[in-house]
Amino acid sequence: MRQLALKGEYRVGRPLKTLIPLIDEELVKLDESGHTHYERIGALLAEAKPQIPNHRWPRWLSQHFQLSRDTARRYLLFYERKKTGKIPAGETQLLRGIGETSTPGPVNTAVKELRKKMAKVLDISGLLEERHAVDHEILIRRKLAIELITMGYRALATRLHPDRGGSKDAMVRLGEIRGAFITFAKRSRFV
């Protein structure tokens, strides 16, 4: 197993683009099940925090998760206390402002409802399969287009070649047009 790099007291391993969907998924699960995911979110945030400069941390939190710095601090504090075994019996004081123990504000409630709806509407695995199928179809169509261009080039080259009554200029133009068409075919989506 790969060793995680240390930065300060936190271990840095996975890149942010991997951590963002994981944190978001845990936040959605938190909305559904309450306190069981506080520790997991805190662990993921603890893994992400060393990768982000301190002055960008609040903006990063609000940009990706609509979390305030105080809420993230509570998750991190809960994780640290849980890890060291120093969780107070009345954990509601620590977790005030997040999850079930908080008084839902209009913005937080709207964000949570939107996340729930998005989680139900968006089936990530289905989207990935659909995207893979579309990409595969594009690749097939590009190959077919290049094959058609090559076949047309060969047919015209037999008529325009200087040995068959054509000219050198005609072959040069045909080669340039073939190159332009192949470049177009490699870039086009055809879907």
Protein backbone atom coordinates (compact mmCIF):
# COMPACT_ATOMS: atom_id res chain seq x y z
CA MET A 1 0.00 0.00 0.00
CA ARG A 2 1.23 3.49 -0.87
CA GLN A 3 2.42 5.62 2.04
CA LEU A 4 0.62 8.93 2.45
CA ALA A 5 2.72 12.08 2.55
CA LEU A 6 2.68 14.08 5.76
CA LYS A 7 2.05 17.81 5.82
CA GLY A 8 1.86 19.17 9.31
CA GLU A 9 -0.26 16.81 11.35
CA TYR A 10 -2.40 15.68 8.41
CA ARG A 11 -1.71 12.96 5.91
CA VAL A 12 -2.03 13.99 2.28
CA GLY A 13 -2.78 11.24 -0.18
CA ARG A 14 -5.64 11.62 -2.58
CA PRO A 15 -5.90 14.63 -4.90
CA LEU A 16 -8.66 17.20 -4.44
CA LYS A 17 -10.54 16.08 -7.55
CA THR A 18 -10.95 12.69 -5.84
CA LEU A 19 -11.85 14.13 -2.46
CA ILE A 20 -14.52 16.61 -3.64
CA PRO A 21 -17.05 13.97 -4.80
CA LEU A 22 -16.35 11.87 -1.68
CA ILE A 23 -17.03 14.80 0.65
CA ASP A 24 -20.14 15.75 -1.29
CA GLU A 25 -21.41 12.15 -1.14
CA GLU A 26 -20.89 12.08 2.63
CA LEU A 27 -22.77 15.37 2.99
CA VAL A 28 -25.72 13.88 1.10
CA LYS A 29 -25.58 10.77 3.31
CA LEU A 30 -25.40 13.02 6.37
CA ASP A 31 -28.64 14.69 5.36
CA GLU A 32 -30.25 11.25 5.26
CA SER A 33 -28.79 9.60 8.37
CA GLY A 34 -27.62 12.23 10.85
CA HIS A 35 -24.57 11.88 13.11
CA THR A 36 -23.12 8.70 11.59
CA HIS A 37 -21.24 10.58 8.86
CA TYR A 38 -19.80 13.47 10.89
CA GLU A 39 -16.59 11.58 11.55
CA ARG A 40 -16.22 10.49 7.90
CA ILE A 41 -16.73 14.05 6.62
CA GLY A 42 -14.22 15.33 9.18
CA ALA A 43 -11.66 12.75 8.02
CA LEU A 44 -12.10 13.70 4.37
CA LEU A 45 -11.90 17.41 5.15
CA ALA A 46 -8.76 16.74 7.22
CA GLU A 47 -7.25 15.03 4.20
CA ALA A 48 -8.19 17.89 1.86
CA LYS A 49 -7.25 20.85 4.09
CA PRO A 50 -3.43 20.59 3.81
CA GLN A 51 -3.72 20.75 0.02
CA ILE A 52 -5.42 24.15 0.11
CA PRO A 53 -3.76 27.37 1.29
CA ASN A 54 -5.35 28.75 4.46
CA HIS A 55 -6.53 31.94 2.79
CA ARG A 56 -8.41 29.91 0.15
CA TRP A 57 -9.97 27.35 2.53
CA PRO A 58 -13.26 29.26 3.22
CA ARG A 59 -13.84 29.99 -0.45
CA TRP A 60 -13.05 26.39 -1.44
CA LEU A 61 -15.55 25.11 1.13
CA SER A 62 -18.33 27.40 -0.02
CA GLN A 63 -17.55 26.88 -3.70
CA HIS A 64 -17.69 23.08 -3.61
CA PHE A 65 -20.04 22.27 -0.72
CA GLN A 66 -21.73 25.47 0.50
CA LEU A 67 -20.09 24.89 3.89
CA SER A 68 -18.98 27.70 6.16
CA ARG A 69 -15.56 27.67 7.74
CA ASP A 70 -17.16 27.22 11.17
CA THR A 71 -19.15 24.20 10.04
CA ALA A 72 -16.05 22.61 8.51
CA ARG A 73 -14.15 23.38 11.73
CA ARG A 74 -16.84 21.53 13.70
CA TYR A 75 -16.54 18.48 11.44
CA LEU A 76 -12.75 18.54 11.78
CA LEU A 77 -12.97 19.00 15.56
CA PHE A 78 -15.45 16.13 15.86
CA TYR A 79 -13.15 13.91 13.80
CA GLU A 80 -10.09 14.82 15.88
CA ARG A 81 -11.90 14.24 19.17
CA LYS A 82 -13.39 10.97 17.96
CA LYS A 83 -9.94 9.83 16.79
CA THR A 84 -8.35 10.61 20.15
CA GLY A 85 -11.32 9.27 22.10
CA LYS A 86 -12.05 12.63 23.74
CA ILE A 87 -15.67 13.00 22.63
CA PRO A 88 -17.82 14.63 25.29
CA ALA A 89 -21.00 12.84 26.34
CA GLY A 90 -23.11 15.79 25.17
CA GLU A 91 -21.76 16.00 21.64
CA THR A 92 -24.63 18.27 20.61
CA GLN A 93 -22.66 21.28 21.87
CA LEU A 94 -19.80 20.41 19.54
CA LEU A 95 -22.07 19.72 16.61
CA ARG A 96 -24.37 22.70 17.05
CA GLY A 97 -24.81 24.30 13.66
CA ILE A 98 -24.49 21.14 11.56
CA GLY A 99 -26.74 18.25 10.74
CA GLU A 100 -29.76 17.29 12.84
CA THR A 101 -28.84 19.34 15.88
CA SER A 102 -28.79 22.62 14.00
CA THR A 103 -31.61 25.00 13.41
CA PRO A 104 -32.00 24.87 9.65
CA GLY A 105 -31.64 28.24 8.00
CA PRO A 106 -33.35 29.01 4.69
CA VAL A 107 -30.14 28.74 2.66
CA ASN A 108 -28.90 25.51 4.30
CA THR A 109 -32.33 23.91 3.97
CA ALA A 110 -32.54 24.85 0.30
CA VAL A 111 -29.05 23.48 -0.38
CA LYS A 112 -29.83 20.21 1.42
CA GLU A 113 -33.09 19.79 -0.47
CA LEU A 114 -31.34 20.50 -3.76
CA ARG A 115 -28.64 17.93 -2.96
CA LYS A 116 -31.29 15.30 -2.14
CA LYS A 117 -33.10 15.96 -5.41
CA MET A 118 -29.86 15.91 -7.39
CA ALA A 119 -28.80 12.63 -5.77
CA LYS A 120 -32.10 11.05 -6.80
CA VAL A 121 -32.12 12.49 -10.31
CA LEU A 122 -28.46 11.92 -11.11
CA ASP A 123 -27.45 8.32 -11.29
CA ILE A 124 -23.69 8.71 -11.66
CA SER A 125 -23.02 5.17 -12.83
CA GLY A 126 -25.76 5.49 -15.46
CA LEU A 127 -24.28 8.78 -16.64
CA LEU A 128 -20.82 7.26 -16.88
CA GLU A 129 -22.10 4.29 -18.89
CA GLU A 130 -24.01 6.62 -21.20
CA ARG A 131 -20.95 8.84 -21.66
CA HIS A 132 -18.80 5.78 -22.42
CA ALA A 133 -21.34 4.61 -25.04
CA VAL A 134 -21.40 8.06 -26.69
CA ASP A 135 -17.59 8.25 -26.72
CA HIS A 136 -17.42 4.78 -28.26
CA GLU A 137 -19.94 5.77 -30.95
CA ILE A 138 -17.94 8.93 -31.74
CA LEU A 139 -14.77 6.85 -32.10
CA ILE A 140 -16.47 4.40 -34.48
CA ARG A 141 -17.86 7.23 -36.61
CA ARG A 142 -14.47 8.96 -36.76
CA LYS A 143 -12.82 5.76 -37.96
CA LEU A 144 -15.53 5.31 -40.61
CA ALA A 145 -15.11 8.90 -41.81
CA ILE A 146 -11.33 8.49 -42.10
CA GLU A 147 -11.82 5.22 -43.98
CA LEU A 148 -14.23 6.89 -46.42
CA ILE A 149 -11.81 9.77 -46.96
CA THR A 150 -8.97 7.31 -47.63
CA MET A 151 -11.10 5.32 -50.09
CA GLY A 152 -12.13 8.50 -51.94
CA TYR A 153 -8.53 9.69 -52.01
CA ARG A 154 -7.34 6.41 -53.54
CA ALA A 155 -10.11 6.44 -56.17
CA LEU A 156 -9.36 10.03 -57.18
CA ALA A 157 -5.58 9.50 -57.00
CA THR A 158 -5.81 6.79 -59.66
CA ARG A 159 -7.46 9.31 -62.02
CA LEU A 160 -5.42 12.40 -61.11
CA HIS A 161 -1.96 10.82 -60.90
CA PRO A 162 0.50 12.14 -63.53
CA ASP A 163 1.15 8.58 -64.77
CA ARG A 164 -2.57 8.21 -65.54
CA GLY A 165 -3.10 11.47 -67.40
CA GLY A 166 -3.44 13.82 -64.40
CA SER A 167 -1.07 16.47 -63.19
CA LYS A 168 1.30 17.00 -60.28
CA ASP A 169 -0.68 20.09 -59.17
CA ALA A 170 -3.91 18.07 -59.04
CA MET A 171 -2.24 15.46 -56.81
CA VAL A 172 -0.87 18.17 -54.51
CA ARG A 173 -4.36 19.72 -54.16
CA LEU A 174 -5.88 16.28 -53.56
CA GLY A 175 -3.32 15.56 -50.82
CA GLU A 176 -4.01 18.91 -49.12
CA ILE A 177 -7.76 18.35 -49.20
CA ARG A 178 -7.33 14.82 -47.85
CA GLY A 179 -5.26 16.18 -44.94
CA ALA A 180 -7.89 18.84 -44.17
CA PHE A 181 -10.71 16.28 -44.26
CA ILE A 182 -8.84 13.85 -42.00
CA THR A 183 -8.12 16.65 -39.51
CA PHE A 184 -11.81 17.58 -39.56
CA ALA A 185 -12.85 13.94 -39.09
CA LYS A 186 -10.52 13.48 -36.11
CA ARG A 187 -12.01 16.53 -34.36
CA SER A 188 -15.69 16.10 -35.22
CA ARG A 189 -18.15 14.41 -32.88
CA PHE A 190 -20.52 13.06 -35.60
CA VAL A 191 -23.25 12.58 -32.99
